[in-house]
Amino acid sequence: MTVILKTENLNKVYRRGGLVAGKSITALNDVNITVESDKPVVIAVVGESGSGKTTLAKTLLRLETPTSGRAIVYDTVVAGQGATPSKRAFLGLVQPIFQNPFEAFSRYRPVDAYLQETARRVAGMGDDEAEAAVAAALRSVGLDYGDVRGKYTSQFSGGELQRISVARALIPNPKLIVADEPVSMIDASRRMIIINLFKRLRDDAGRSFLYITHDLATAYYISDYIAVMNKGQVVEFGPARAVMNNPSHAYTRLLLDSIPTIKSRWRPRLAHAG
């Protein structure tokens, strides 16, 4: 079995203010998650704003350094004590997809320039190989290179631009893609395109995903495992079906109760109409 993701007593404490009058803010509090599998998986991390889920994503992406503990991705220590991969080796193992696709690319530069740069600098490809890799990555997300080449962010919808972000992440052939709220800035009618793309890339292209979200419904639809976070702690973790159908923690039940349903939404109107 491969250790796809393991966090061992992962902590992140921020210090605000001076040494005397300042205060500490705990963003991650002994986070322990273990996922071992012989096949790629989608791991959803859910929780409200301030729960620590984005800090967890940033720590796994090496954008934040843990105060203590460590994180392992595909049997490689990537953060904390014992982390050894070089920057290029790390970027070949883990790639990000961020929340706002319009902030992932400069509006003053064609978006395909970023894909070419990733192919050359991160994946170490030559010009011809890079060109072919960019075209293949775009095809894998349902886009044609000819429709992307030389165009700027203003010429794409949010959904199209997020698919280009996914293509960029695929170029170095990573094993894990960390997607932080990847559909929250996309029109509701287009969100399932991205969600279904993740599922297809898991099943057909062998990619694992860490899917950060506040939406339990999409987490259940897409994920193999769900971690529920509250105030920096993982309060519940397990297979998605078990967490959703038989939650053991009160906070998870609270999140589930907050999901609107057609029955609860329309019952008052039907009663009034009668």
Protein backbone atom coordinates (compact mmCIF):
# COMPACT_ATOMS: atom_id res chain seq x y z
CA MET A 1 0.00 0.00 0.00
CA THR A 2 1.23 3.48 -0.86
CA VAL A 3 1.00 6.29 1.68
CA ILE A 4 -0.83 8.80 -0.48
CA LEU A 5 -1.21 11.34 2.33
CA LYS A 6 -0.17 11.26 5.97
CA THR A 7 0.02 14.10 8.44
CA GLU A 8 1.62 13.40 11.79
CA ASN A 9 0.69 15.77 14.63
CA LEU A 10 0.80 18.68 12.19
CA ASN A 11 0.67 22.07 13.92
CA LYS A 12 0.78 25.63 12.67
CA VAL A 13 0.82 28.51 15.15
CA TYR A 14 0.92 32.14 14.05
CA ARG A 15 2.26 34.86 16.30
CA ARG A 16 0.52 38.24 16.10
CA GLY A 17 1.95 41.43 17.61
CA GLY A 18 5.10 41.79 19.72
CA LEU A 19 6.83 39.24 21.89
CA VAL A 20 5.30 40.67 25.08
CA ALA A 21 1.83 41.87 24.10
CA GLY A 22 1.32 39.55 21.13
CA LYS A 23 -0.90 36.52 21.01
CA SER A 24 -0.73 33.13 19.34
CA ILE A 25 -3.27 31.85 16.84
CA THR A 26 -3.41 28.10 16.27
CA ALA A 27 -4.37 27.37 12.67
CA LEU A 28 -3.56 23.65 12.76
CA ASN A 29 -3.84 21.67 15.97
CA ASP A 30 -2.36 18.15 15.92
CA VAL A 31 -3.79 17.28 12.50
CA ASN A 32 -3.53 13.53 11.87
CA ILE A 33 -4.74 12.09 8.57
CA THR A 34 -3.63 8.82 6.99
CA VAL A 35 -4.70 7.59 3.56
CA GLU A 36 -3.07 4.46 2.17
CA SER A 37 -4.18 3.04 -1.14
CA ASP A 38 -2.98 1.15 -4.19
CA LYS A 39 -4.98 3.42 -6.47
CA PRO A 40 -5.47 7.21 -6.76
CA VAL A 41 -8.03 8.82 -4.47
CA VAL A 42 -9.82 12.10 -3.87
CA ILE A 43 -9.57 13.33 -0.28
CA ALA A 44 -11.99 16.11 0.61
CA VAL A 45 -11.25 18.50 3.48
CA VAL A 46 -14.40 20.33 4.56
CA GLY A 47 -15.13 23.02 7.11
CA GLU A 48 -16.29 26.59 7.48
CA SER A 49 -14.07 29.64 7.01
CA GLY A 50 -11.31 29.70 9.61
CA SER A 51 -11.40 25.95 10.20
CA GLY A 52 -7.80 25.50 9.08
CA LYS A 53 -8.42 23.72 5.80
CA THR A 54 -6.62 26.33 3.65
CA THR A 55 -3.69 26.40 6.07
CA LEU A 56 -3.47 22.64 5.68
CA ALA A 57 -3.43 23.04 1.89
CA LYS A 58 -0.72 25.72 2.07
CA THR A 59 1.38 23.54 4.35
CA LEU A 60 1.18 20.62 1.93
CA LEU A 61 2.14 23.00 -0.89
CA ARG A 62 5.11 24.26 1.14
CA LEU A 63 3.68 27.79 1.14
CA GLU A 64 3.60 27.58 4.94
CA THR A 65 6.11 25.89 7.25
CA PRO A 66 4.57 23.79 10.03
CA THR A 67 5.40 24.75 13.60
CA SER A 68 5.75 21.05 14.38
CA GLY A 69 4.85 17.69 12.93
CA ARG A 70 5.28 16.60 9.35
CA ALA A 71 3.41 15.70 6.17
CA ILE A 72 4.05 12.79 3.81
CA VAL A 73 2.83 12.57 0.20
CA TYR A 74 3.32 9.35 -1.76
CA ASP A 75 5.87 8.04 0.73
CA THR A 76 7.87 11.31 0.57
CA VAL A 77 8.18 13.75 3.48
CA VAL A 78 7.21 17.08 1.95
CA ALA A 79 6.80 19.33 5.01
CA GLY A 80 8.21 19.44 8.53
CA GLN A 81 11.06 17.43 9.97
CA GLY A 82 12.78 15.26 7.40
CA ALA A 83 11.45 17.08 4.31
CA THR A 84 14.11 16.61 1.65
CA PRO A 85 12.75 17.08 -1.91
CA SER A 86 14.30 19.85 -3.99
CA LYS A 87 11.93 22.48 -5.35
CA ARG A 88 11.78 20.83 -8.77
CA ALA A 89 11.29 17.36 -7.30
CA PHE A 90 8.53 18.66 -5.04
CA LEU A 91 6.71 20.41 -7.91
CA GLY A 92 6.90 17.17 -9.85
CA LEU A 93 5.12 15.44 -6.98
CA VAL A 94 2.55 18.03 -5.82
CA GLN A 95 0.82 20.75 -7.86
CA PRO A 96 -1.73 23.39 -6.84
CA ILE A 97 -5.02 24.64 -8.22
CA PHE A 98 -6.11 27.85 -6.54
CA GLN A 99 -9.52 29.31 -5.79
CA ASN A 100 -9.59 32.23 -8.22
CA PRO A 101 -8.40 31.33 -11.73
CA PHE A 102 -8.26 35.00 -12.71
CA GLU A 103 -5.57 35.55 -10.08
CA ALA A 104 -3.56 32.51 -11.16
CA PHE A 105 -2.49 34.21 -14.40
CA SER A 106 -1.46 37.78 -15.15
CA ARG A 107 -3.90 39.60 -17.40
CA TYR A 108 -0.93 41.10 -19.25
CA ARG A 109 0.48 37.80 -20.48
CA PRO A 110 -1.02 35.04 -22.67
CA VAL A 111 -2.11 32.15 -20.50
CA ASP A 112 -0.36 29.53 -22.63
CA ALA A 113 2.96 31.22 -21.79
CA TYR A 114 2.50 29.96 -18.23
CA LEU A 115 1.89 26.42 -19.44
CA GLN A 116 5.01 26.56 -21.61
CA GLU A 117 6.99 27.92 -18.66
CA THR A 118 5.79 25.09 -16.42
CA ALA A 119 6.79 22.52 -19.02
CA ARG A 120 10.28 23.98 -19.43
CA ARG A 121 11.20 25.11 -15.92
CA VAL A 122 9.36 22.62 -13.74
CA ALA A 123 9.26 19.53 -15.96
CA GLY A 124 12.62 20.28 -17.64
CA MET A 125 11.32 19.82 -21.18
CA GLY A 126 12.81 21.11 -24.40
CA ASP A 127 10.84 23.31 -26.79
CA ASP A 128 9.27 20.56 -28.91
CA GLU A 129 8.48 18.34 -25.94
CA ALA A 130 7.00 21.29 -24.06
CA GLU A 131 4.75 22.18 -26.99
CA ALA A 132 3.45 18.62 -27.17
CA ALA A 133 2.95 18.42 -23.40
CA VAL A 134 0.94 21.65 -23.32
CA ALA A 135 -1.28 20.46 -26.17
CA ALA A 136 -1.83 17.09 -24.45
CA ALA A 137 -2.65 18.70 -21.09
CA LEU A 138 -5.19 21.01 -22.69
CA ARG A 139 -6.81 18.10 -24.53
CA SER A 140 -7.12 16.22 -21.25
CA VAL A 141 -9.28 19.04 -19.84
CA GLY A 142 -11.39 19.36 -22.99
CA LEU A 143 -9.66 22.33 -24.62
CA ASP A 144 -7.87 22.73 -27.94
CA TYR A 145 -4.46 24.39 -27.97
CA GLY A 146 -5.47 26.44 -30.99
CA ASP A 147 -8.30 28.01 -28.98
CA VAL A 148 -5.94 28.94 -26.13
CA ARG A 149 -2.72 29.99 -27.82
CA GLY A 150 -1.93 33.70 -27.52
CA LYS A 151 -5.08 34.56 -25.55
CA TYR A 152 -5.40 36.46 -22.27
CA THR A 153 -7.49 35.88 -19.16
CA SER A 154 -10.17 38.34 -20.30
CA GLN A 155 -10.92 36.10 -23.28
CA PHE A 156 -11.99 33.14 -21.16
CA SER A 157 -14.82 32.36 -18.78
CA GLY A 158 -14.01 31.41 -15.20
CA GLY A 159 -14.72 27.76 -15.93
CA GLU A 160 -12.47 27.71 -18.99
CA LEU A 161 -9.69 29.44 -17.11
CA GLN A 162 -9.92 26.98 -14.23
CA ARG A 163 -9.63 24.12 -16.72
CA ILE A 164 -6.47 25.79 -18.03
CA SER A 165 -5.23 25.89 -14.42
CA VAL A 166 -5.87 22.16 -14.21
CA ALA A 167 -3.96 21.62 -17.47
CA ARG A 168 -1.04 23.60 -16.09
CA ALA A 169 -1.02 21.45 -12.94
CA LEU A 170 -0.98 18.26 -15.01
CA ILE A 171 2.10 19.12 -17.08
CA PRO A 172 4.77 18.08 -14.51
CA ASN A 173 2.93 14.75 -14.11
CA PRO A 174 2.26 15.15 -10.36
CA LYS A 175 0.91 12.40 -8.16
CA LEU A 176 -1.17 14.74 -5.95
CA ILE A 177 -3.04 17.90 -6.93
CA VAL A 178 -4.09 20.21 -4.10
CA ALA A 179 -7.23 22.09 -5.15
CA ASP A 180 -8.25 24.88 -2.75
CA GLU A 181 -11.95 25.79 -3.22
CA PRO A 182 -11.50 25.32 -6.99
CA VAL A 183 -15.15 25.92 -7.97
CA SER A 184 -16.23 28.63 -5.53
CA MET A 185 -15.42 31.44 -7.99
CA ILE A 186 -17.04 29.72 -10.97
CA ASP A 187 -20.58 30.15 -12.22
CA ALA A 188 -22.83 27.54 -10.59
CA SER A 189 -23.88 26.08 -13.94
CA ARG A 190 -20.22 25.27 -14.77
CA ARG A 191 -19.01 23.88 -11.45
CA MET A 192 -19.81 20.26 -12.19
CA ILE A 193 -17.58 20.40 -15.27
CA ILE A 194 -14.58 20.89 -12.97
CA ILE A 195 -15.82 18.38 -10.38
CA ASN A 196 -16.38 15.69 -13.00
CA LEU A 197 -13.00 16.51 -14.55
CA PHE A 198 -11.33 15.71 -11.22
CA LYS A 199 -13.13 12.37 -11.04
CA ARG A 200 -12.09 11.51 -14.59
CA LEU A 201 -8.46 12.46 -13.95
CA ARG A 202 -8.48 10.24 -10.87
CA ASP A 203 -9.95 7.28 -12.72
CA ASP A 204 -8.31 7.63 -16.14
CA ALA A 205 -5.09 9.59 -15.56
CA GLY A 206 -4.11 8.24 -12.15
CA ARG A 207 -4.09 11.54 -10.22
CA SER A 208 -4.94 11.90 -6.57
CA PHE A 209 -6.60 15.09 -5.32
CA LEU A 210 -6.84 16.93 -2.05
CA TYR A 211 -10.10 18.82 -2.52
CA ILE A 212 -10.56 21.73 -0.11
CA THR A 213 -14.18 22.88 0.16
CA HIS A 214 -16.93 24.13 2.44
CA ASP A 215 -19.52 22.22 0.38
CA LEU A 216 -20.34 18.81 1.84
CA ALA A 217 -22.55 17.90 -1.10
CA THR A 218 -19.76 18.11 -3.70
CA ALA A 219 -17.34 16.56 -1.21
CA TYR A 220 -19.56 13.50 -0.95
CA TYR A 221 -20.02 13.33 -4.73
CA ILE A 222 -16.34 13.51 -5.61
CA SER A 223 -14.38 12.06 -2.72
CA ASP A 224 -13.20 8.70 -1.47
CA TYR A 225 -12.32 10.10 1.97
CA ILE A 226 -13.57 13.12 3.92
CA ALA A 227 -11.80 15.02 6.69
CA VAL A 228 -13.96 17.46 8.63
CA MET A 229 -12.06 20.36 10.21
CA ASN A 230 -13.14 22.75 12.95
CA LYS A 231 -10.95 25.29 14.75
CA GLY A 232 -7.75 23.81 13.38
CA GLN A 233 -8.56 20.21 14.29
CA VAL A 234 -9.72 17.23 12.26
CA VAL A 235 -12.85 16.29 14.19
CA GLU A 236 -13.89 13.48 11.89
CA PHE A 237 -12.16 11.48 9.16
CA GLY A 238 -12.97 8.37 7.20
CA PRO A 239 -14.44 6.97 3.98
CA ALA A 240 -16.84 9.48 2.45
CA ARG A 241 -19.89 7.24 2.68
CA ALA A 242 -19.29 6.49 6.36
CA VAL A 243 -18.75 10.14 7.30
CA MET A 244 -21.84 11.34 5.45
CA ASN A 245 -24.23 8.52 6.33
CA ASN A 246 -23.16 7.92 9.91
CA PRO A 247 -21.34 11.01 11.30
CA SER A 248 -19.92 10.55 14.77
CA HIS A 249 -19.12 14.18 15.64
CA ALA A 250 -21.65 16.88 16.48
CA TYR A 251 -19.93 19.40 14.21
CA THR A 252 -20.25 17.07 11.21
CA ARG A 253 -23.94 16.60 12.00
CA LEU A 254 -24.30 20.38 12.20
CA LEU A 255 -22.76 20.79 8.75
CA LEU A 256 -25.04 18.10 7.35
CA ASP A 257 -28.11 19.72 8.88
CA SER A 258 -27.16 23.02 7.22
CA ILE A 259 -27.44 21.54 3.70
CA PRO A 260 -30.74 22.78 2.21
CA THR A 261 -33.11 20.20 0.78
CA ILE A 262 -36.10 20.58 -1.49
CA LYS A 263 -38.32 19.01 1.16
CA SER A 264 -37.39 21.42 3.94
CA ARG A 265 -37.34 24.41 1.61
CA TRP A 266 -40.76 23.89 0.12
CA ARG A 267 -42.72 22.44 3.03
CA PRO A 268 -43.65 25.86 4.53
CA ARG A 269 -44.99 27.07 1.16
CA LEU A 270 -47.00 23.92 0.62
CA ALA A 271 -48.48 24.20 4.11
CA HIS A 272 -49.40 27.82 3.47
CA ALA A 273 -50.94 26.97 0.10
CA GLY A 274 -53.13 24.32 1.74
